[in-house]
């Protein structure tokens, strides 16, 4: 199973209203076809009343095996439904990669 699909499957445990997993590996200095850098936007009421750090710990806990073995970088946008509506369903873009050979 591809890492992207595995991330999507595992994060369904949070019963998201919206879930988007984007493989951003092509923006980094990794071999073509890599699955190592991801951006996740997840909207779930499971985050209600939790601070950002607690939300990220929830996601990181679910993806612990992948973070230990396959995922090099994970950008998280963790929102409640109210926050998602306040942002009008938008999310931030990931910053450009400054690591590896691309920064030289």
N, C-alpha and C. Protein backbone atom coordinates (compact mmCIF):
# COMPACT_ATOMS: atom_id res chain seq x y z
N UNK A 1 0.85 -1.19 0.00
CA UNK A 1 0.00 0.00 0.00
C UNK A 1 0.89 1.24 0.00
N UNK A 2 0.54 2.20 -0.80
CA UNK A 2 1.28 3.46 -0.84
C UNK A 2 1.14 4.18 0.50
N UNK A 3 2.18 4.92 0.86
CA UNK A 3 2.20 5.64 2.14
C UNK A 3 1.03 6.63 2.21
N UNK A 4 0.78 7.35 1.12
CA UNK A 4 -0.33 8.31 1.10
C UNK A 4 -1.64 7.63 1.45
N UNK A 5 -1.91 6.49 0.85
CA UNK A 5 -3.14 5.75 1.13
C UNK A 5 -3.19 5.24 2.56
N UNK A 6 -2.05 4.83 3.07
CA UNK A 6 -1.97 4.35 4.45
C UNK A 6 -2.27 5.49 5.43
N UNK A 7 -1.72 6.68 5.15
CA UNK A 7 -2.00 7.85 5.99
C UNK A 7 -3.50 8.14 5.99
N UNK A 8 -4.10 8.15 4.81
CA UNK A 8 -5.54 8.42 4.70
C UNK A 8 -6.36 7.40 5.48
N UNK A 9 -6.01 6.15 5.34
CA UNK A 9 -6.74 5.08 6.02
C UNK A 9 -6.64 5.22 7.54
N UNK A 10 -5.42 5.44 8.03
CA UNK A 10 -5.22 5.54 9.48
C UNK A 10 -5.91 6.77 10.08
N UNK A 11 -5.86 7.89 9.36
CA UNK A 11 -6.45 9.13 9.91
C UNK A 11 -7.98 9.11 9.88
N UNK A 12 -8.56 8.15 9.22
CA UNK A 12 -10.03 8.00 9.26
C UNK A 12 -10.51 7.64 10.68
N UNK A 13 -9.57 7.21 11.52
CA UNK A 13 -9.90 6.94 12.93
C UNK A 13 -10.41 8.19 13.63
N UNK A 14 -10.04 9.37 13.12
CA UNK A 14 -10.48 10.64 13.71
C UNK A 14 -11.81 11.12 13.13
N UNK A 15 -12.43 10.32 12.29
CA UNK A 15 -13.73 10.63 11.68
C UNK A 15 -13.74 12.04 11.08
N UNK A 16 -12.83 12.29 10.15
CA UNK A 16 -12.74 13.65 9.60
C UNK A 16 -13.92 14.02 8.72
N UNK A 17 -14.28 15.29 8.80
CA UNK A 17 -15.27 15.86 7.88
C UNK A 17 -14.58 16.17 6.55
N UNK A 18 -13.30 16.47 6.62
CA UNK A 18 -12.48 16.74 5.44
C UNK A 18 -11.09 16.19 5.72
N UNK A 19 -10.52 15.52 4.73
CA UNK A 19 -9.17 14.99 4.86
C UNK A 19 -8.49 15.09 3.51
N UNK A 20 -7.35 15.74 3.49
CA UNK A 20 -6.55 15.83 2.28
C UNK A 20 -5.11 15.51 2.63
N UNK A 21 -4.55 14.55 1.93
CA UNK A 21 -3.16 14.15 2.11
C UNK A 21 -2.45 14.40 0.79
N UNK A 22 -1.45 15.28 0.82
CA UNK A 22 -0.72 15.65 -0.40
C UNK A 22 0.72 15.20 -0.26
N UNK A 23 1.18 14.42 -1.23
CA UNK A 23 2.57 14.01 -1.28
C UNK A 23 3.36 15.16 -1.90
N UNK A 24 4.19 15.81 -1.09
CA UNK A 24 5.00 16.95 -1.55
C UNK A 24 6.46 16.57 -1.76
N UNK A 25 6.73 15.29 -1.88
CA UNK A 25 8.10 14.81 -2.02
C UNK A 25 8.78 15.37 -3.26
N UNK A 26 8.00 15.61 -4.31
CA UNK A 26 8.59 16.11 -5.56
C UNK A 26 9.17 17.52 -5.41
N UNK A 27 8.83 18.21 -4.32
CA UNK A 27 9.35 19.56 -4.06
C UNK A 27 10.67 19.51 -3.29
N UNK A 28 11.16 18.31 -3.03
CA UNK A 28 12.35 18.13 -2.20
C UNK A 28 13.41 17.34 -2.95
N UNK A 29 14.60 17.32 -2.40
CA UNK A 29 15.73 16.64 -3.02
C UNK A 29 15.70 15.15 -2.66
N UNK A 30 14.75 14.44 -3.26
CA UNK A 30 14.59 13.00 -3.02
C UNK A 30 14.42 12.33 -4.39
N UNK A 31 14.63 11.02 -4.46
CA UNK A 31 14.45 10.33 -5.74
C UNK A 31 13.01 10.46 -6.26
N UNK A 32 12.88 10.49 -7.58
CA UNK A 32 11.57 10.58 -8.21
C UNK A 32 10.68 9.42 -7.73
N UNK A 33 9.43 9.73 -7.46
CA UNK A 33 8.48 8.71 -7.00
C UNK A 33 8.51 8.48 -5.50
N UNK A 34 9.31 9.25 -4.77
CA UNK A 34 9.41 9.08 -3.31
C UNK A 34 8.11 9.45 -2.62
N UNK A 35 7.90 8.87 -1.47
CA UNK A 35 6.78 9.21 -0.59
C UNK A 35 7.36 9.46 0.79
N UNK A 36 7.93 10.65 0.96
CA UNK A 36 8.61 10.95 2.22
C UNK A 36 8.18 12.27 2.85
N UNK A 37 7.59 13.16 2.07
CA UNK A 37 7.20 14.49 2.54
C UNK A 37 5.71 14.68 2.25
N UNK A 38 4.93 14.93 3.31
CA UNK A 38 3.48 15.04 3.16
C UNK A 38 2.92 16.27 3.85
N UNK A 39 1.82 16.76 3.29
CA UNK A 39 1.03 17.81 3.94
C UNK A 39 -0.36 17.22 4.16
N UNK A 40 -0.83 17.31 5.40
CA UNK A 40 -2.14 16.78 5.76
C UNK A 40 -3.01 17.92 6.27
N UNK A 41 -4.18 18.04 5.67
CA UNK A 41 -5.21 18.93 6.19
C UNK A 41 -6.34 18.03 6.66
N UNK A 42 -6.66 18.12 7.94
CA UNK A 42 -7.70 17.28 8.50
C UNK A 42 -8.62 18.14 9.36
N UNK A 43 -9.91 18.00 9.09
CA UNK A 43 -10.94 18.73 9.82
C UNK A 43 -11.77 17.70 10.57
N UNK A 44 -11.74 17.80 11.91
CA UNK A 44 -12.42 16.80 12.73
C UNK A 44 -12.87 17.41 14.05
N UNK A 45 -14.04 17.02 14.49
CA UNK A 45 -14.49 17.45 15.79
C UNK A 45 -13.71 16.78 16.92
N UNK A 46 -12.89 15.79 16.59
CA UNK A 46 -12.02 15.17 17.59
C UNK A 46 -11.01 16.18 18.14
N UNK A 47 -10.80 17.29 17.42
CA UNK A 47 -9.86 18.32 17.85
C UNK A 47 -10.51 19.39 18.72
N UNK A 48 -11.82 19.33 18.86
CA UNK A 48 -12.54 20.35 19.62
C UNK A 48 -12.01 20.43 21.06
N UNK A 49 -11.66 21.66 21.50
CA UNK A 49 -11.18 21.89 22.86
C UNK A 49 -9.73 21.52 23.08
N UNK A 50 -9.03 21.10 22.02
CA UNK A 50 -7.63 20.71 22.18
C UNK A 50 -6.72 21.77 21.56
N UNK A 51 -5.62 22.03 22.23
CA UNK A 51 -4.63 22.97 21.72
C UNK A 51 -3.91 22.33 20.53
N UNK A 52 -3.25 23.15 19.74
CA UNK A 52 -2.57 22.70 18.53
C UNK A 52 -1.60 21.55 18.80
N UNK A 53 -0.82 21.67 19.85
CA UNK A 53 0.15 20.62 20.17
C UNK A 53 -0.54 19.29 20.44
N UNK A 54 -1.64 19.31 21.15
CA UNK A 54 -2.38 18.08 21.44
C UNK A 54 -2.94 17.47 20.16
N UNK A 55 -3.40 18.31 19.25
CA UNK A 55 -3.93 17.82 17.97
C UNK A 55 -2.82 17.13 17.18
N UNK A 56 -1.66 17.78 17.13
CA UNK A 56 -0.55 17.20 16.39
C UNK A 56 -0.08 15.90 17.03
N UNK A 57 -0.11 15.84 18.34
CA UNK A 57 0.27 14.60 19.03
C UNK A 57 -0.72 13.48 18.70
N UNK A 58 -1.99 13.82 18.56
CA UNK A 58 -2.98 12.81 18.18
C UNK A 58 -2.64 12.21 16.82
N UNK A 59 -2.39 13.08 15.85
CA UNK A 59 -2.07 12.63 14.50
C UNK A 59 -0.74 11.87 14.49
N UNK A 60 0.26 12.43 15.15
CA UNK A 60 1.57 11.76 15.20
C UNK A 60 1.48 10.40 15.86
N UNK A 61 0.63 10.26 16.87
CA UNK A 61 0.46 8.97 17.52
C UNK A 61 -0.14 7.94 16.58
N UNK A 62 -1.12 8.36 15.80
CA UNK A 62 -1.75 7.45 14.84
C UNK A 62 -0.75 7.04 13.75
N UNK A 63 0.12 7.96 13.37
CA UNK A 63 1.08 7.70 12.30
C UNK A 63 2.48 7.37 12.81
N UNK A 64 2.58 6.92 14.06
CA UNK A 64 3.89 6.68 14.69
C UNK A 64 4.78 5.74 13.88
N UNK A 65 4.24 4.64 13.39
CA UNK A 65 5.06 3.69 12.63
C UNK A 65 5.59 4.32 11.35
N UNK A 66 4.73 5.05 10.65
CA UNK A 66 5.14 5.69 9.39
C UNK A 66 6.17 6.79 9.65
N UNK A 67 6.00 7.55 10.73
CA UNK A 67 6.96 8.59 11.07
C UNK A 67 8.32 7.99 11.44
N UNK A 68 8.31 6.82 12.03
CA UNK A 68 9.56 6.16 12.42
C UNK A 68 10.27 5.51 11.23
N UNK A 69 9.51 5.16 10.19
CA UNK A 69 10.10 4.38 9.10
C UNK A 69 10.11 5.09 7.75
N UNK A 70 9.02 5.73 7.37
CA UNK A 70 8.87 6.18 5.98
C UNK A 70 8.79 7.68 5.80
N UNK A 71 8.12 8.36 6.71
CA UNK A 71 7.85 9.78 6.53
C UNK A 71 9.01 10.60 7.09
N UNK A 72 9.57 11.45 6.24
CA UNK A 72 10.65 12.34 6.67
C UNK A 72 10.11 13.67 7.18
N UNK A 73 9.06 14.17 6.53
CA UNK A 73 8.49 15.47 6.92
C UNK A 73 6.96 15.40 6.81
N UNK A 74 6.31 16.00 7.80
CA UNK A 74 4.85 15.99 7.84
C UNK A 74 4.36 17.37 8.28
N UNK A 75 3.68 18.06 7.36
CA UNK A 75 3.07 19.35 7.65
C UNK A 75 1.62 19.08 8.02
N UNK A 76 1.18 19.59 9.17
CA UNK A 76 -0.18 19.32 9.64
C UNK A 76 -0.99 20.60 9.75
N UNK A 77 -2.21 20.53 9.22
CA UNK A 77 -3.22 21.56 9.42
C UNK A 77 -4.39 20.83 10.07
N UNK A 78 -4.56 21.01 11.36
CA UNK A 78 -5.57 20.29 12.14
C UNK A 78 -6.62 21.29 12.61
N UNK A 79 -7.83 21.12 12.12
CA UNK A 79 -8.88 22.10 12.38
C UNK A 79 -10.17 21.44 12.84
N UNK A 80 -10.95 22.19 13.62
CA UNK A 80 -12.32 21.79 13.92
C UNK A 80 -13.19 22.31 12.78
N UNK A 81 -14.44 21.88 12.75
CA UNK A 81 -15.37 22.37 11.72
C UNK A 81 -15.53 23.88 11.81
N UNK A 82 -15.63 24.42 13.03
CA UNK A 82 -15.79 25.88 13.18
C UNK A 82 -14.59 26.62 12.60
N UNK A 83 -13.39 26.13 12.89
CA UNK A 83 -12.18 26.77 12.37
C UNK A 83 -12.12 26.67 10.85
N UNK A 84 -12.53 25.54 10.32
CA UNK A 84 -12.54 25.34 8.87
C UNK A 84 -13.49 26.34 8.20
N UNK A 85 -14.67 26.54 8.80
CA UNK A 85 -15.62 27.50 8.24
C UNK A 85 -15.11 28.93 8.37
N UNK A 86 -14.44 29.23 9.48
CA UNK A 86 -13.87 30.57 9.66
C UNK A 86 -12.82 30.87 8.60
N UNK A 87 -12.09 29.85 8.19
CA UNK A 87 -11.07 30.02 7.15
C UNK A 87 -11.67 29.86 5.75
N UNK A 88 -12.96 29.65 5.68
CA UNK A 88 -13.67 29.48 4.41
C UNK A 88 -13.12 28.31 3.60
N UNK A 89 -12.72 27.26 4.30
CA UNK A 89 -12.25 26.05 3.64
C UNK A 89 -10.90 26.20 2.97
N UNK A 90 -10.08 27.13 3.46
CA UNK A 90 -8.75 27.31 2.86
C UNK A 90 -7.68 26.80 3.81
N UNK A 91 -6.52 26.54 3.26
CA UNK A 91 -5.39 26.10 4.06
C UNK A 91 -4.13 26.77 3.53
N UNK A 92 -3.11 26.80 4.33
CA UNK A 92 -1.86 27.43 3.96
C UNK A 92 -1.04 26.52 3.05
N UNK A 93 -0.26 27.13 2.17
CA UNK A 93 0.67 26.37 1.34
C UNK A 93 1.90 26.04 2.18
N UNK A 94 2.57 24.97 1.82
CA UNK A 94 3.81 24.61 2.50
C UNK A 94 4.91 25.55 2.02
N UNK A 95 5.87 25.87 2.90
CA UNK A 95 6.98 26.72 2.47
C UNK A 95 7.87 25.96 1.49
N UNK A 96 8.64 26.67 0.66
CA UNK A 96 9.55 25.98 -0.25
C UNK A 96 10.65 25.26 0.51
N UNK A 97 11.11 24.17 -0.06
CA UNK A 97 12.19 23.39 0.55
C UNK A 97 13.48 24.15 0.48
N UNK A 98 14.21 24.22 1.58
CA UNK A 98 15.53 24.88 1.61
C UNK A 98 16.64 23.88 1.92
N UNK A 99 16.28 22.62 2.04
CA UNK A 99 17.27 21.61 2.40
C UNK A 99 17.87 20.91 1.21
N UNK A 100 18.86 20.11 1.46
CA UNK A 100 19.48 19.30 0.41
C UNK A 100 20.14 20.14 -0.67
N UNK A 101 20.29 19.55 -1.82
CA UNK A 101 21.00 20.20 -2.93
C UNK A 101 20.21 21.35 -3.53
N UNK A 102 18.91 21.43 -3.31
CA UNK A 102 18.11 22.50 -3.91
C UNK A 102 18.43 23.85 -3.32
N UNK A 103 19.04 23.92 -2.14
CA UNK A 103 19.33 25.19 -1.51
C UNK A 103 20.67 25.78 -1.95
N UNK A 104 21.40 25.04 -2.74
CA UNK A 104 22.73 25.49 -3.16
C UNK A 104 22.70 26.15 -4.51
